[in-house]
Each structure stands twice: as structure tokens, then as C-alpha cells.
N, C-alpha and C. Protein backbone atom coordinates (compact mmCIF):
# COMPACT_ATOMS: atom_id res chain seq x y z
N MET A 1 7.02 -11.01 -2.15
CA MET A 1 6.95 -9.96 -1.14
C MET A 1 6.72 -8.61 -1.82
N PHE A 2 5.91 -7.79 -1.23
CA PHE A 2 5.63 -6.44 -1.70
C PHE A 2 6.71 -5.52 -1.15
N SER A 3 7.20 -4.60 -1.97
CA SER A 3 8.22 -3.67 -1.50
C SER A 3 7.92 -2.25 -1.97
N VAL A 4 8.53 -1.30 -1.29
CA VAL A 4 8.38 0.12 -1.59
C VAL A 4 9.76 0.71 -1.74
N THR A 5 9.99 1.44 -2.83
CA THR A 5 11.29 2.07 -3.02
C THR A 5 11.45 3.25 -2.07
N THR A 6 12.69 3.66 -1.86
CA THR A 6 12.97 4.80 -1.00
C THR A 6 12.31 6.07 -1.55
N THR A 7 12.35 6.25 -2.86
CA THR A 7 11.72 7.42 -3.47
C THR A 7 10.22 7.43 -3.20
N ALA A 8 9.57 6.30 -3.35
CA ALA A 8 8.13 6.21 -3.08
C ALA A 8 7.84 6.47 -1.60
N SER A 9 8.67 5.95 -0.72
CA SER A 9 8.48 6.17 0.72
C SER A 9 8.52 7.65 1.05
N ARG A 10 9.46 8.38 0.47
CA ARG A 10 9.55 9.82 0.72
C ARG A 10 8.28 10.53 0.24
N GLU A 11 7.78 10.16 -0.93
CA GLU A 11 6.56 10.78 -1.46
C GLU A 11 5.34 10.44 -0.61
N ILE A 12 5.29 9.22 -0.12
CA ILE A 12 4.17 8.81 0.74
C ILE A 12 4.19 9.59 2.04
N LEU A 13 5.38 9.76 2.62
CA LEU A 13 5.50 10.55 3.85
C LEU A 13 5.08 12.00 3.61
N ALA A 14 5.45 12.56 2.48
CA ALA A 14 5.03 13.93 2.15
C ALA A 14 3.52 14.00 1.97
N ALA A 15 2.93 12.98 1.36
CA ALA A 15 1.48 12.95 1.16
C ALA A 15 0.74 12.84 2.48
N THR A 16 1.30 12.10 3.44
CA THR A 16 0.63 12.00 4.74
C THR A 16 0.59 13.37 5.41
N ALA A 17 1.66 14.13 5.27
CA ALA A 17 1.69 15.47 5.87
C ALA A 17 0.68 16.39 5.18
N ARG A 18 0.63 16.35 3.86
CA ARG A 18 -0.31 17.21 3.12
C ARG A 18 -1.76 16.85 3.42
N SER A 19 -2.01 15.57 3.66
CA SER A 19 -3.38 15.07 3.87
C SER A 19 -3.78 15.05 5.34
N HIS A 20 -2.88 15.51 6.20
CA HIS A 20 -3.13 15.45 7.65
C HIS A 20 -3.43 14.02 8.08
N ALA A 21 -2.70 13.08 7.49
CA ALA A 21 -2.87 11.66 7.79
C ALA A 21 -1.67 11.11 8.55
N ASP A 22 -0.96 11.99 9.26
CA ASP A 22 0.21 11.55 10.03
C ASP A 22 -0.16 10.38 10.93
N GLY A 23 0.70 9.38 10.92
CA GLY A 23 0.48 8.21 11.76
C GLY A 23 -0.39 7.14 11.11
N MET A 24 -0.99 7.44 9.98
CA MET A 24 -1.82 6.43 9.30
C MET A 24 -0.96 5.62 8.34
N ALA A 25 -1.42 4.45 8.06
CA ALA A 25 -0.72 3.56 7.13
C ALA A 25 -1.28 3.74 5.72
N LEU A 26 -0.50 3.33 4.75
CA LEU A 26 -0.95 3.35 3.36
C LEU A 26 -1.53 1.98 3.01
N ARG A 27 -2.79 1.95 2.64
CA ARG A 27 -3.39 0.70 2.17
C ARG A 27 -3.22 0.62 0.67
N VAL A 28 -2.70 -0.51 0.21
CA VAL A 28 -2.55 -0.78 -1.22
C VAL A 28 -3.47 -1.95 -1.53
N ALA A 29 -4.28 -1.80 -2.56
CA ALA A 29 -5.26 -2.82 -2.92
C ALA A 29 -5.17 -3.16 -4.39
N ALA A 30 -5.57 -4.37 -4.72
CA ALA A 30 -5.63 -4.81 -6.10
C ALA A 30 -6.86 -5.68 -6.28
N LEU A 31 -7.50 -5.53 -7.42
CA LEU A 31 -8.73 -6.28 -7.71
C LEU A 31 -8.69 -6.74 -9.15
N ARG A 32 -8.93 -8.03 -9.38
CA ARG A 32 -8.98 -8.56 -10.74
C ARG A 32 -10.34 -8.25 -11.34
N GLU A 33 -10.33 -7.60 -12.50
CA GLU A 33 -11.55 -7.25 -13.22
C GLU A 33 -12.05 -8.45 -14.04
N ALA A 34 -13.26 -8.38 -14.51
CA ALA A 34 -13.86 -9.46 -15.29
C ALA A 34 -13.07 -9.77 -16.56
N ASP A 35 -12.42 -8.74 -17.14
CA ASP A 35 -11.66 -8.97 -18.36
C ASP A 35 -10.24 -9.47 -18.10
N GLY A 36 -9.91 -9.70 -16.82
CA GLY A 36 -8.60 -10.23 -16.47
C GLY A 36 -7.58 -9.18 -16.08
N SER A 37 -7.88 -7.91 -16.33
CA SER A 37 -6.96 -6.86 -15.94
C SER A 37 -7.01 -6.66 -14.42
N VAL A 38 -6.02 -5.97 -13.91
CA VAL A 38 -5.95 -5.71 -12.48
C VAL A 38 -6.09 -4.21 -12.24
N ARG A 39 -6.96 -3.85 -11.31
CA ARG A 39 -7.17 -2.45 -10.93
C ARG A 39 -6.51 -2.26 -9.56
N TYR A 40 -5.75 -1.17 -9.44
CA TYR A 40 -5.02 -0.88 -8.21
C TYR A 40 -5.59 0.36 -7.54
N GLY A 41 -5.45 0.40 -6.21
CA GLY A 41 -5.88 1.56 -5.46
C GLY A 41 -5.00 1.75 -4.23
N MET A 42 -4.94 2.99 -3.76
CA MET A 42 -4.16 3.31 -2.56
C MET A 42 -4.88 4.40 -1.78
N GLY A 43 -4.70 4.37 -0.49
CA GLY A 43 -5.26 5.41 0.35
C GLY A 43 -4.81 5.19 1.78
N PHE A 44 -4.91 6.23 2.59
CA PHE A 44 -4.52 6.11 3.99
C PHE A 44 -5.65 5.47 4.77
N ASP A 45 -5.28 4.55 5.67
CA ASP A 45 -6.28 3.74 6.35
C ASP A 45 -5.72 3.24 7.67
N ASP A 46 -6.60 2.66 8.47
CA ASP A 46 -6.22 2.01 9.72
C ASP A 46 -6.10 0.51 9.48
N GLU A 47 -5.27 -0.12 10.27
CA GLU A 47 -5.06 -1.56 10.15
C GLU A 47 -6.32 -2.33 10.51
N ARG A 48 -6.57 -3.39 9.75
CA ARG A 48 -7.70 -4.29 10.01
C ARG A 48 -7.16 -5.68 10.33
N GLN A 49 -8.01 -6.47 10.95
CA GLN A 49 -7.62 -7.84 11.27
C GLN A 49 -7.25 -8.57 9.99
N ASP A 50 -6.21 -9.36 10.03
CA ASP A 50 -5.73 -10.20 8.92
C ASP A 50 -4.97 -9.42 7.84
N ASP A 51 -4.78 -8.10 7.99
CA ASP A 51 -3.97 -7.37 7.03
C ASP A 51 -2.52 -7.84 7.09
N LEU A 52 -1.88 -7.86 5.95
CA LEU A 52 -0.44 -8.01 5.90
C LEU A 52 0.11 -6.62 6.19
N VAL A 53 1.00 -6.51 7.17
CA VAL A 53 1.57 -5.23 7.57
C VAL A 53 3.04 -5.24 7.21
N ILE A 54 3.43 -4.27 6.39
CA ILE A 54 4.82 -4.15 5.95
C ILE A 54 5.34 -2.82 6.46
N ASP A 55 6.39 -2.87 7.28
CA ASP A 55 7.01 -1.66 7.80
C ASP A 55 8.35 -1.48 7.11
N GLY A 56 8.60 -0.26 6.71
CA GLY A 56 9.89 0.01 6.11
C GLY A 56 10.03 1.43 5.64
N ASP A 57 11.22 1.94 5.78
CA ASP A 57 11.57 3.27 5.28
C ASP A 57 10.65 4.36 5.83
N GLY A 58 10.18 4.17 7.08
CA GLY A 58 9.38 5.20 7.71
C GLY A 58 7.89 5.15 7.44
N ILE A 59 7.44 4.17 6.67
CA ILE A 59 6.00 4.05 6.38
C ILE A 59 5.52 2.64 6.72
N THR A 60 4.22 2.53 6.88
CA THR A 60 3.58 1.23 7.07
C THR A 60 2.61 1.03 5.92
N VAL A 61 2.70 -0.15 5.29
CA VAL A 61 1.82 -0.51 4.19
C VAL A 61 0.91 -1.63 4.66
N LEU A 62 -0.38 -1.51 4.35
CA LEU A 62 -1.37 -2.53 4.69
C LEU A 62 -1.89 -3.16 3.41
N ILE A 63 -1.99 -4.49 3.41
CA ILE A 63 -2.55 -5.21 2.26
C ILE A 63 -3.53 -6.25 2.80
N SER A 64 -4.75 -6.22 2.30
CA SER A 64 -5.76 -7.18 2.75
C SER A 64 -5.45 -8.57 2.19
N PRO A 65 -5.95 -9.61 2.84
CA PRO A 65 -5.73 -10.97 2.34
C PRO A 65 -6.19 -11.14 0.89
N ARG A 66 -7.26 -10.47 0.52
CA ARG A 66 -7.80 -10.59 -0.84
C ARG A 66 -6.85 -10.03 -1.90
N SER A 67 -6.12 -8.97 -1.53
CA SER A 67 -5.20 -8.33 -2.47
C SER A 67 -3.80 -8.96 -2.49
N GLN A 68 -3.46 -9.69 -1.46
CA GLN A 68 -2.10 -10.21 -1.33
C GLN A 68 -1.62 -11.01 -2.53
N PRO A 69 -2.40 -11.95 -3.07
CA PRO A 69 -1.89 -12.72 -4.21
C PRO A 69 -1.61 -11.85 -5.44
N LEU A 70 -2.40 -10.81 -5.64
CA LEU A 70 -2.23 -9.95 -6.81
C LEU A 70 -1.06 -8.99 -6.64
N LEU A 71 -0.63 -8.75 -5.41
CA LEU A 71 0.47 -7.82 -5.16
C LEU A 71 1.79 -8.53 -4.83
N GLU A 72 1.78 -9.84 -4.87
CA GLU A 72 2.99 -10.62 -4.61
C GLU A 72 4.07 -10.22 -5.60
N ASN A 73 5.28 -9.99 -5.09
CA ASN A 73 6.45 -9.62 -5.91
C ASN A 73 6.26 -8.30 -6.68
N THR A 74 5.51 -7.39 -6.07
CA THR A 74 5.27 -6.07 -6.67
C THR A 74 6.08 -5.02 -5.94
N THR A 75 6.56 -4.04 -6.69
CA THR A 75 7.29 -2.91 -6.10
C THR A 75 6.53 -1.64 -6.38
N LEU A 76 6.29 -0.86 -5.33
CA LEU A 76 5.67 0.45 -5.46
C LEU A 76 6.78 1.47 -5.62
N ASP A 77 6.78 2.19 -6.73
CA ASP A 77 7.79 3.18 -7.02
C ASP A 77 7.12 4.49 -7.38
N PHE A 78 7.89 5.56 -7.39
CA PHE A 78 7.35 6.86 -7.75
C PHE A 78 8.17 7.43 -8.88
């Protein structure tokens, strides 16, 4: 399961206010590179069909089916 710490949640909420993205969810993505490393990305986005939706600590996190295996048992911290 993917989780977000309380500290990270507070920072994400502050970022939504600064970015005028109030009400939007945070999309977290991961992609395996050709050399085996994993590249991560985040940004505010709208929910898409088949997204894993995680609600907690005042924020909503979206993870696409493609990223889910790479983010399993991951914690987002700040």
C-alpha cells in the first residue's frame, strides 16, 4: 500500500494553495527506465478511469495502474 506521512500531506496542501490547484488530487507516477532504475514524478491532476485513489490526511493521491506495482509499499515523505 502507498502511504503519505502527515508532514508530506501538510506540504502538499500548502503546494495546492500556492499553485491554485485547490480541490485537485496529487498524481504520483513511477516508470522503470531501460537501465532498471525507477523515475518518479508528481503533479496535480484529475482522476482518470482505473486510477488507484488514496484519501488521507486531507489530500487525495492518484496512481495509475501502470505505476501501482512500482509504488507498492512506498511512503511519500517530506
